[in-house]
Amino acid sequence: MLTIVANIVAFPDKAELVKTELLKLIDTTRAEAGCVQYDLHQDNDNPAHFLFFENWESRELWQDHMGNQHLKDYLAATEGAVAEFTVNEMTRIG
């Protein structure tokens, strides 16, 4: 099992655009092979900060997800709108 924590920080004036595009990813991703959990969160104090908390059956299946067309479409739609993007690959230890 692989846990992914992805932080996306939009430029403040682009937060709604980024949110709309992130929401489009959810249903398609949840239907992908190996996706156990794919939840989007928005910071209560900073509406331009989003976080995906994901669980995948394996790193290989997550990497397949990362190469899918809907992620390429998201990147194209949000080009220049995201100030910061970090991904942490995590292993549950407790």
PDB file of N, CA and C in Angstrom:
ATOM      1  N   MET A   1       0.847  -1.174   0.000  1.00  0.00           N
ATOM      2  CA  MET A   1       0.000   0.000   0.000  1.00  0.00           C
ATOM      3  C   MET A   1       0.896   1.242   0.000  1.00  0.00           C
ATOM      4  N   LEU A   2       0.534   2.201  -0.807  1.00  0.00           N
ATOM      5  CA  LEU A   2       1.274   3.467  -0.892  1.00  0.00           C
ATOM      6  C   LEU A   2       0.314   4.604  -0.573  1.00  0.00           C
ATOM      7  N   THR A   3       0.716   5.476   0.321  1.00  0.00           N
ATOM      8  CA  THR A   3      -0.047   6.678   0.634  1.00  0.00           C
ATOM      9  C   THR A   3       0.632   7.860  -0.027  1.00  0.00           C
ATOM     10  N   ILE A   4      -0.174   8.691  -0.664  1.00  0.00           N
ATOM     11  CA  ILE A   4       0.313   9.904  -1.311  1.00  0.00           C
ATOM     12  C   ILE A   4      -0.330  11.096  -0.631  1.00  0.00           C
ATOM     13  N   VAL A   5       0.485  12.077  -0.285  1.00  0.00           N
ATOM     14  CA  VAL A   5       0.002  13.363   0.208  1.00  0.00           C
ATOM     15  C   VAL A   5       0.491  14.408  -0.791  1.00  0.00           C
ATOM     16  N   ALA A   6      -0.439  15.005  -1.500  1.00  0.00           N
ATOM     17  CA  ALA A   6      -0.099  15.998  -2.521  1.00  0.00           C
ATOM     18  C   ALA A   6      -0.646  17.351  -2.095  1.00  0.00           C
ATOM     19  N   ASN A   7       0.239  18.323  -1.987  1.00  0.00           N
ATOM     20  CA  ASN A   7      -0.136  19.694  -1.636  1.00  0.00           C
ATOM     21  C   ASN A   7      -0.084  20.547  -2.895  1.00  0.00           C
ATOM     22  N   ILE A   8      -1.175  21.254  -3.146  1.00  0.00           N
ATOM     23  CA  ILE A   8      -1.276  22.150  -4.286  1.00  0.00           C
ATOM     24  C   ILE A   8      -1.649  23.514  -3.741  1.00  0.00           C
ATOM     25  N   VAL A   9      -0.818  24.514  -4.010  1.00  0.00           N
ATOM     26  CA  VAL A   9      -1.118  25.883  -3.584  1.00  0.00           C
ATOM     27  C   VAL A   9      -1.264  26.731  -4.843  1.00  0.00           C
ATOM     28  N   ALA A  10      -2.474  27.225  -5.035  1.00  0.00           N
ATOM     29  CA  ALA A  10      -2.761  28.062  -6.203  1.00  0.00           C
ATOM     30  C   ALA A  10      -2.403  29.507  -5.891  1.00  0.00           C
ATOM     31  N   PHE A  11      -2.154  30.274  -6.935  1.00  0.00           N
ATOM     32  CA  PHE A  11      -2.085  31.720  -6.735  1.00  0.00           C
ATOM     33  C   PHE A  11      -3.478  32.162  -6.280  1.00  0.00           C
ATOM     34  N   PRO A  12      -3.555  33.083  -5.309  1.00  0.00           N
ATOM     35  CA  PRO A  12      -4.860  33.439  -4.741  1.00  0.00           C
ATOM     36  C   PRO A  12      -5.942  33.793  -5.775  1.00  0.00           C
ATOM     37  N   ASP A  13      -5.563  34.490  -6.819  1.00  0.00           N
ATOM     38  CA  ASP A  13      -6.566  34.886  -7.815  1.00  0.00           C
ATOM     39  C   ASP A  13      -6.931  33.744  -8.766  1.00  0.00           C
ATOM     40  N   LYS A  14      -6.280  32.596  -8.617  1.00  0.00           N
ATOM     41  CA  LYS A  14      -6.559  31.429  -9.466  1.00  0.00           C
ATOM     42  C   LYS A  14      -7.120  30.252  -8.668  1.00  0.00           C
ATOM     43  N   ALA A  15      -7.430  30.475  -7.380  1.00  0.00           N
ATOM     44  CA  ALA A  15      -7.867  29.383  -6.502  1.00  0.00           C
ATOM     45  C   ALA A  15      -9.131  28.693  -7.017  1.00  0.00           C
ATOM     46  N   GLU A  16     -10.098  29.433  -7.492  1.00  0.00           N
ATOM     47  CA  GLU A  16     -11.343  28.823  -7.968  1.00  0.00           C
ATOM     48  C   GLU A  16     -11.114  27.998  -9.226  1.00  0.00           C
ATOM     49  N   LEU A  17     -10.266  28.483 -10.113  1.00  0.00           N
ATOM     50  CA  LEU A  17      -9.926  27.720 -11.319  1.00  0.00           C
ATOM     51  C   LEU A  17      -9.272  26.392 -10.939  1.00  0.00           C
ATOM     52  N   VAL A  18      -8.291  26.450 -10.071  1.00  0.00           N
ATOM     53  CA  VAL A  18      -7.585  25.245  -9.659  1.00  0.00           C
ATOM     54  C   VAL A  18      -8.538  24.283  -8.955  1.00  0.00           C
ATOM     55  N   LYS A  19      -9.378  24.799  -8.082  1.00  0.00           N
ATOM     56  CA  LYS A  19     -10.354  23.955  -7.379  1.00  0.00           C
ATOM     57  C   LYS A  19     -11.270  23.239  -8.370  1.00  0.00           C
ATOM     58  N   THR A  20     -11.779  23.963  -9.334  1.00  0.00           N
ATOM     59  CA  THR A  20     -12.658  23.372 -10.340  1.00  0.00           C
ATOM     60  C   THR A  20     -11.958  22.249 -11.088  1.00  0.00           C
ATOM     61  N   GLU A  21     -10.710  22.482 -11.464  1.00  0.00           N
ATOM     62  CA  GLU A  21      -9.959  21.475 -12.201  1.00  0.00           C
ATOM     63  C   GLU A  21      -9.597  20.272 -11.324  1.00  0.00           C
ATOM     64  N   LEU A  22      -9.275  20.502 -10.060  1.00  0.00           N
ATOM     65  CA  LEU A  22      -8.979  19.398  -9.149  1.00  0.00           C
ATOM     66  C   LEU A  22     -10.211  18.529  -8.926  1.00  0.00           C
ATOM     67  N   LEU A  23     -11.362  19.152  -8.778  1.00  0.00           N
ATOM     68  CA  LEU A  23     -12.604  18.394  -8.572  1.00  0.00           C
ATOM     69  C   LEU A  23     -12.898  17.478  -9.755  1.00  0.00           C
ATOM     70  N   LYS A  24     -12.510  17.872 -10.943  1.00  0.00           N
ATOM     71  CA  LYS A  24     -12.730  17.054 -12.140  1.00  0.00           C
ATOM     72  C   LYS A  24     -11.943  15.743 -12.093  1.00  0.00           C
ATOM     73  N   LEU A  25     -10.865  15.707 -11.319  1.00  0.00           N
ATOM     74  CA  LEU A  25     -10.010  14.521 -11.253  1.00  0.00           C
ATOM     75  C   LEU A  25     -10.608  13.393 -10.410  1.00  0.00           C
ATOM     76  N   ILE A  26     -11.504  13.716  -9.508  1.00  0.00           N
ATOM     77  CA  ILE A  26     -11.900  12.774  -8.460  1.00  0.00           C
ATOM     78  C   ILE A  26     -12.592  11.524  -9.003  1.00  0.00           C
ATOM     79  N   ASP A  27     -13.683  11.667  -9.715  1.00  0.00           N
ATOM     80  CA  ASP A  27     -14.441  10.485 -10.141  1.00  0.00           C
ATOM     81  C   ASP A  27     -13.625   9.582 -11.051  1.00  0.00           C
ATOM     82  N   THR A  28     -12.899  10.167 -11.989  1.00  0.00           N
ATOM     83  CA  THR A  28     -12.087   9.379 -12.916  1.00  0.00           C
ATOM     84  C   THR A  28     -10.996   8.621 -12.164  1.00  0.00           C
ATOM     85  N   THR A  29     -10.339   9.297 -11.242  1.00  0.00           N
ATOM     86  CA  THR A  29      -9.249   8.661 -10.497  1.00  0.00           C
ATOM     87  C   THR A  29      -9.768   7.565  -9.585  1.00  0.00           C
ATOM     88  N   ARG A  30     -10.881   7.802  -8.915  1.00  0.00           N
ATOM     89  CA  ARG A  30     -11.424   6.776  -8.019  1.00  0.00           C
ATOM     90  C   ARG A  30     -11.798   5.497  -8.761  1.00  0.00           C
ATOM     91  N   ALA A  31     -12.056   5.599 -10.049  1.00  0.00           N
ATOM     92  CA  ALA A  31     -12.405   4.431 -10.856  1.00  0.00           C
ATOM     93  C   ALA A  31     -11.176   3.696 -11.408  1.00  0.00           C
ATOM     94  N   GLU A  32      -9.993   4.243 -11.202  1.00  0.00           N
ATOM     95  CA  GLU A  32      -8.772   3.639 -11.735  1.00  0.00           C
ATOM     96  C   GLU A  32      -8.372   2.391 -10.956  1.00  0.00           C
ATOM     97  N   ALA A  33      -7.708   1.476 -11.661  1.00  0.00           N
ATOM     98  CA  ALA A  33      -7.172   0.279 -11.023  1.00  0.00           C
ATOM     99  C   ALA A  33      -6.193   0.675  -9.924  1.00  0.00           C
ATOM    100  N   GLY A  34      -6.363   0.074  -8.755  1.00  0.00           N
ATOM    101  CA  GLY A  34      -5.434   0.301  -7.659  1.00  0.00           C
ATOM    102  C   GLY A  34      -5.759   1.452  -6.744  1.00  0.00           C
ATOM    103  N   CYS A  35      -6.729   2.285  -7.100  1.00  0.00           N
ATOM    104  CA  CYS A  35      -7.085   3.421  -6.247  1.00  0.00           C
ATOM    105  C   CYS A  35      -7.956   2.943  -5.095  1.00  0.00           C
ATOM    106  N   VAL A  36      -7.458   3.113  -3.876  1.00  0.00           N
ATOM    107  CA  VAL A  36      -8.183   2.726  -2.673  1.00  0.00           C
ATOM    108  C   VAL A  36      -8.892   3.939  -2.072  1.00  0.00           C
ATOM    109  N   GLN A  37      -8.227   5.088  -2.112  1.00  0.00           N
ATOM    110  CA  GLN A  37      -8.764   6.323  -1.528  1.00  0.00           C
ATOM    111  C   GLN A  37      -8.184   7.501  -2.285  1.00  0.00           C
ATOM    112  N   TYR A  38      -9.039   8.490  -2.572  1.00  0.00           N
ATOM    113  CA  TYR A  38      -8.596   9.685  -3.297  1.00  0.00           C
ATOM    114  C   TYR A  38      -9.476  10.833  -2.836  1.00  0.00           C
ATOM    115  N   ASP A  39      -9.032  11.541  -1.807  1.00  0.00           N
ATOM    116  CA  ASP A  39      -9.841  12.581  -1.174  1.00  0.00           C
ATOM    117  C   ASP A  39      -9.168  13.940  -1.298  1.00  0.00           C
ATOM    118  N   LEU A  40      -9.948  14.916  -1.725  1.00  0.00           N
ATOM    119  CA  LEU A  40      -9.466  16.288  -1.868  1.00  0.00           C
ATOM    120  C   LEU A  40      -9.913  17.118  -0.679  1.00  0.00           C
ATOM    121  N   HIS A  41      -8.993  17.908  -0.151  1.00  0.00           N
ATOM    122  CA  HIS A  41      -9.269  18.792   0.986  1.00  0.00           C
ATOM    123  C   HIS A  41      -8.873  20.216   0.615  1.00  0.00           C
ATOM    124  N   GLN A  42      -9.538  21.186   1.268  1.00  0.00           N
ATOM    125  CA  GLN A  42      -9.209  22.607   1.091  1.00  0.00           C
ATOM    126  C   GLN A  42      -8.961  23.208   2.467  1.00  0.00           C
ATOM    127  N   ASP A  43      -7.875  23.956   2.582  1.00  0.00           N
ATOM    128  CA  ASP A  43      -7.488  24.574   3.846  1.00  0.00           C
ATOM    129  C   ASP A  43      -8.550  25.566   4.301  1.00  0.00           C
ATOM    130  N   ASN A  44      -8.940  25.489   5.561  1.00  0.00           N
ATOM    131  CA  ASN A  44      -9.965  26.391   6.109  1.00  0.00           C
ATOM    132  C   ASN A  44      -9.499  27.831   6.217  1.00  0.00           C
ATOM    133  N   ASP A  45      -8.197  28.032   6.391  1.00  0.00           N
ATOM    134  CA  ASP A  45      -7.661  29.383   6.545  1.00  0.00           C
ATOM    135  C   ASP A  45      -7.087  29.953   5.256  1.00  0.00           C
ATOM    136  N   ASN A  46      -6.732  29.089   4.326  1.00  0.00           N
ATOM    137  CA  ASN A  46      -6.147  29.527   3.063  1.00  0.00           C
ATOM    138  C   ASN A  46      -6.856  28.787   1.927  1.00  0.00           C
ATOM    139  N   PRO A  47      -7.885  29.370   1.341  1.00  0.00           N
ATOM    140  CA  PRO A  47      -8.660  28.676   0.317  1.00  0.00           C
ATOM    141  C   PRO A  47      -7.896  28.380  -0.971  1.00  0.00           C
ATOM    142  N   ALA A  48      -6.674  28.867  -1.082  1.00  0.00           N
ATOM    143  CA  ALA A  48      -5.847  28.564  -2.251  1.00  0.00           C
ATOM    144  C   ALA A  48      -4.992  27.314  -2.043  1.00  0.00           C
ATOM    145  N   HIS A  49      -5.080  26.701  -0.848  1.00  0.00           N
ATOM    146  CA  HIS A  49      -4.287  25.515  -0.518  1.00  0.00           C
ATOM    147  C   HIS A  49      -5.180  24.277  -0.548  1.00  0.00           C
ATOM    148  N   PHE A  50      -4.792  23.314  -1.378  1.00  0.00           N
ATOM    149  CA  PHE A  50      -5.528  22.064  -1.524  1.00  0.00           C
ATOM    150  C   PHE A  50      -4.610  20.909  -1.190  1.00  0.00           C
ATOM    151  N   LEU A  51      -5.213  19.808  -0.731  1.00  0.00           N
ATOM    152  CA  LEU A  51      -4.439  18.626  -0.389  1.00  0.00           C
ATOM    153  C   LEU A  51      -5.196  17.389  -0.858  1.00  0.00           C
ATOM    154  N   PHE A  52      -4.510  16.536  -1.590  1.00  0.00           N
ATOM    155  CA  PHE A  52      -5.043  15.217  -1.908  1.00  0.00           C
ATOM    156  C   PHE A  52      -4.425  14.221  -0.942  1.00  0.00           C
ATOM    157  N   PHE A  53      -5.282  13.421  -0.314  1.00  0.00           N
ATOM    158  CA  PHE A  53      -4.841  12.294   0.500  1.00  0.00           C
ATOM    159  C   PHE A  53      -5.272  11.049  -0.251  1.00  0.00           C
ATOM    160  N   GLU A  54      -4.273  10.239  -0.651  1.00  0.00           N
ATOM    161  CA  GLU A  54      -4.526   9.114  -1.536  1.00  0.00           C
ATOM    162  C   GLU A  54      -3.931   7.833  -0.968  1.00  0.00           C
ATOM    163  N   ASN A  55      -4.599   6.728  -1.246  1.00  0.00           N
ATOM    164  CA  ASN A  55      -4.035   5.421  -0.962  1.00  0.00           C
ATOM    165  C   ASN A  55      -4.161   4.573  -2.216  1.00  0.00           C
ATOM    166  N   TRP A  56      -3.059   3.916  -2.561  1.00  0.00           N
ATOM    167  CA  TRP A  56      -2.959   3.092  -3.765  1.00  0.00           C
ATOM    168  C   TRP A  56      -2.489   1.704  -3.382  1.00  0.00           C
ATOM    169  N   GLU A  57      -2.950   0.696  -4.136  1.00  0.00           N
ATOM    170  CA  GLU A  57      -2.546  -0.684  -3.873  1.00  0.00           C
ATOM    171  C   GLU A  57      -1.045  -0.879  -4.065  1.00  0.00           C
ATOM    172  N   SER A  58      -0.444  -0.114  -4.985  1.00  0.00           N
ATOM    173  CA  SER A  58       1.000  -0.238  -5.212  1.00  0.00           C
ATOM    174  C   SER A  58       1.538   1.045  -5.835  1.00  0.00           C
ATOM    175  N   ARG A  59       2.846   1.214  -5.752  1.00  0.00           N
ATOM    176  CA  ARG A  59       3.488   2.374  -6.371  1.00  0.00           C
ATOM    177  C   ARG A  59       3.339   2.328  -7.891  1.00  0.00           C
ATOM    178  N   GLU A  60       3.398   1.138  -8.448  1.00  0.00           N
ATOM    179  CA  GLU A  60       3.270   0.986  -9.898  1.00  0.00           C
ATOM    180  C   GLU A  60       1.909   1.472 -10.392  1.00  0.00           C
ATOM    181  N   LEU A  61       0.847   1.133  -9.677  1.00  0.00           N
ATOM    182  CA  LEU A  61      -0.493   1.573 -10.078  1.00  0.00           C
ATOM    183  C   LEU A  61      -0.649   3.081  -9.904  1.00  0.00           C
ATOM    184  N   TRP A  62      -0.005   3.651  -8.871  1.00  0.00           N
ATOM    185  CA  TRP A  62      -0.029   5.112  -8.715  1.00  0.00           C
ATOM    186  C   TRP A  62       0.716   5.772  -9.873  1.00  0.00           C
ATOM    187  N   GLN A  63       1.840   5.196 -10.268  1.00  0.00           N
ATOM    188  CA  GLN A  63       2.586   5.765 -11.389  1.00  0.00           C
ATOM    189  C   GLN A  63       1.785   5.682 -12.687  1.00  0.00           C
ATOM    190  N   ASP A  64       1.021   4.610 -12.863  1.00  0.00           N
ATOM    191  CA  ASP A  64       0.122   4.532 -14.024  1.00  0.00           C
ATOM    192  C   ASP A  64      -0.856   5.708 -13.994  1.00  0.00           C
ATOM    193  N   HIS A  65      -1.414   5.970 -12.830  1.00  0.00           N
ATOM    194  CA  HIS A  65      -2.338   7.098 -12.639  1.00  0.00           C
ATOM    195  C   HIS A  65      -1.679   8.417 -13.042  1.00  0.00           C
ATOM    196  N   MET A  66      -0.427   8.594 -12.636  1.00  0.00           N
ATOM    197  CA  MET A  66       0.259   9.855 -12.909  1.00  0.00           C
ATOM    198  C   MET A  66       0.475  10.103 -14.396  1.00  0.00           C
ATOM    199  N   GLY A  67       0.440   9.061 -15.206  1.00  0.00           N
ATOM    200  CA  GLY A  67       0.620   9.214 -16.639  1.00  0.00           C
ATOM    201  C   GLY A  67      -0.675   9.325 -17.430  1.00  0.00           C
ATOM    202  N   ASN A  68      -1.809   9.290 -16.747  1.00  0.00           N
ATOM    203  CA  ASN A  68      -3.099   9.288 -17.439  1.00  0.00           C
ATOM    204  C   ASN A  68      -3.461  10.644 -18.035  1.00  0.00           C
ATOM    205  N   GLN A  69      -4.307  10.600 -19.046  1.00  0.00           N
ATOM    206  CA  GLN A  69      -4.688  11.800 -19.790  1.00  0.00           C
ATOM    207  C   GLN A  69      -5.379  12.845 -18.924  1.00  0.00           C
ATOM    208  N   HIS A  70      -6.214  12.426 -17.978  1.00  0.00           N
ATOM    209  CA  HIS A  70      -6.928  13.429 -17.174  1.00  0.00           C
ATOM    210  C   HIS A  70      -5.966  14.268 -16.328  1.00  0.00           C
ATOM    211  N   LEU A  71      -4.821  13.720 -15.948  1.00  0.00           N
ATOM    212  CA  LEU A  71      -3.826  14.532 -15.236  1.00  0.00           C
ATOM    213  C   LEU A  71      -3.115  15.479 -16.189  1.00  0.00           C
ATOM    214  N   LYS A  72      -2.860  15.018 -17.401  1.00  0.00           N
ATOM    215  CA  LYS A  72      -2.271  15.909 -18.406  1.00  0.00           C
ATOM    216  C   LYS A  72      -3.218  17.069 -18.712  1.00  0.00           C
ATOM    217  N   ASP A  73      -4.510  16.776 -18.789  1.00  0.00           N
ATOM    218  CA  ASP A  73      -5.509  17.820 -19.030  1.00  0.00           C
ATOM    219  C   ASP A  73      -5.539  18.824 -17.875  1.00  0.00           C
ATOM    220  N   TYR A  74      -5.455  18.319 -16.633  1.00  0.00           N
ATOM    221  CA  TYR A  74      -5.417  19.197 -15.463  1.00  0.00           C
ATOM    222  C   TYR A  74      -4.199  20.125 -15.528  1.00  0.00           C
ATOM    223  N   LEU A  75      -3.040  19.560 -15.826  1.00  0.00           N
ATOM    224  CA  LEU A  75      -1.813  20.371 -15.894  1.00  0.00           C
ATOM    225  C   LEU A  75      -1.916  21.455 -16.962  1.00  0.00           C
ATOM    226  N   ALA A  76      -2.503  21.126 -18.093  1.00  0.00           N
ATOM    227  CA  ALA A  76      -2.671  22.117 -19.159  1.00  0.00           C
ATOM    228  C   ALA A  76      -3.642  23.212 -18.732  1.00  0.00           C
ATOM    229  N   ALA A  77      -4.730  22.828 -18.082  1.00  0.00           N
ATOM    230  CA  ALA A  77      -5.762  23.798 -17.684  1.00  0.00           C
ATOM    231  C   ALA A  77      -5.290  24.728 -16.578  1.00  0.00           C
ATOM    232  N   THR A  78      -4.347  24.269 -15.750  1.00  0.00           N
ATOM    233  CA  THR A  78      -3.906  25.071 -14.601  1.00  0.00           C
ATOM    234  C   THR A  78      -2.503  25.646 -14.790  1.00  0.00           C
ATOM    235  N   GLU A  79      -1.976  25.553 -15.981  1.00  0.00           N
ATOM    236  CA  GLU A  79      -0.638  26.092 -16.233  1.00  0.00           C
ATOM    237  C   GLU A  79      -0.587  27.574 -15.856  1.00  0.00           C
ATOM    238  N   GLY A  80       0.383  27.942 -15.020  1.00  0.00           N
ATOM    239  CA  GLY A  80       0.534  29.319 -14.567  1.00  0.00           C
ATOM    240  C   GLY A  80      -0.365  29.699 -13.406  1.00  0.00           C
ATOM    241  N   ALA A  81      -1.190  28.761 -12.926  1.00  0.00           N
ATOM    242  CA  ALA A  81      -2.124  29.057 -11.839  1.00  0.00           C
ATOM    243  C   ALA A  81      -1.678  28.479 -10.499  1.00  0.00           C
ATOM    244  N   VAL A  82      -0.706  27.577 -10.513  1.00  0.00           N
ATOM    245  CA  VAL A  82      -0.254  26.894  -9.302  1.00  0.00           C
ATOM    246  C   VAL A  82       1.090  27.460  -8.865  1.00  0.00           C
ATOM    247  N   ALA A  83       1.119  27.945  -7.625  1.00  0.00           N
ATOM    248  CA  ALA A  83       2.340  28.535  -7.068  1.00  0.00           C
ATOM    249  C   ALA A  83       3.276  27.478  -6.516  1.00  0.00           C
ATOM    250  N   GLU A  84       2.706  26.395  -5.984  1.00  0.00           N
ATOM    251  CA  GLU A  84       3.524  25.370  -5.326  1.00  0.00           C
ATOM    252  C   GLU A  84       2.829  24.023  -5.436  1.00  0.00           C
ATOM    253  N   PHE A  85       3.626  22.981  -5.679  1.00  0.00           N
ATOM    254  CA  PHE A  85       3.089  21.630  -5.767  1.00  0.00           C
ATOM    255  C   PHE A  85       4.121  20.670  -5.195  1.00  0.00           C
ATOM    256  N   THR A  86       3.738  19.916  -4.164  1.00  0.00           N
ATOM    257  CA  THR A  86       4.637  18.928  -3.579  1.00  0.00           C
ATOM    258  C   THR A  86       3.892  17.605  -3.427  1.00  0.00           C
ATOM    259  N   VAL A  87       4.620  16.533  -3.614  1.00  0.00           N
ATOM    260  CA  VAL A  87       4.071  15.185  -3.461  1.00  0.00           C
ATOM    261  C   VAL A  87       4.979  14.414  -2.522  1.00  0.00           C
ATOM    262  N   ASN A  88       4.369  13.786  -1.527  1.00  0.00           N
ATOM    263  CA  ASN A  88       5.109  12.925  -0.614  1.00  0.00           C
ATOM    264  C   ASN A  88       4.573  11.512  -0.742  1.00  0.00           C
ATOM    265  N   GLU A  89       5.484  10.572  -0.990  1.00  0.00           N
ATOM    266  CA  GLU A  89       5.138   9.164  -0.991  1.00  0.00           C
ATOM    267  C   GLU A  89       5.377   8.649   0.427  1.00  0.00           C
ATOM    268  N   MET A  90       4.332   8.074   1.018  1.00  0.00           N
ATOM    269  CA  MET A  90       4.392   7.710   2.428  1.00  0.00           C
ATOM    270  C   MET A  90       4.049   6.232   2.594  1.00  0.00           C
ATOM    271  N   THR A  91       4.560   5.645   3.685  1.00  0.00           N
ATOM    272  CA  THR A  91       4.224   4.281   4.073  1.00  0.00           C
ATOM    273  C   THR A  91       3.599   4.323   5.455  1.00  0.00           C
ATOM    274  N   ARG A  92       2.452   3.694   5.595  1.00  0.00           N
ATOM    275  CA  ARG A  92       1.768   3.645   6.884  1.00  0.00           C
ATOM    276  C   ARG A  92       2.577   2.756   7.826  1.00  0.00           C
ATOM    277  N   ILE A  93       2.858   3.267   9.013  1.00  0.00           N
ATOM    278  CA  ILE A  93       3.665   2.512   9.956  1.00  0.00           C
ATOM    279  C   ILE A  93       2.937   2.242  11.278  1.00  0.00           C
ATOM    280  N   GLY A  94       1.725   2.702  11.381  1.00  0.00           N
ATOM    281  CA  GLY A  94       1.009   2.466  12.631  1.00  0.00           C
ATOM    282  C   GLY A  94      -0.474   2.655  12.474  1.00  0.00           C
TER     283      GLY A  94
END
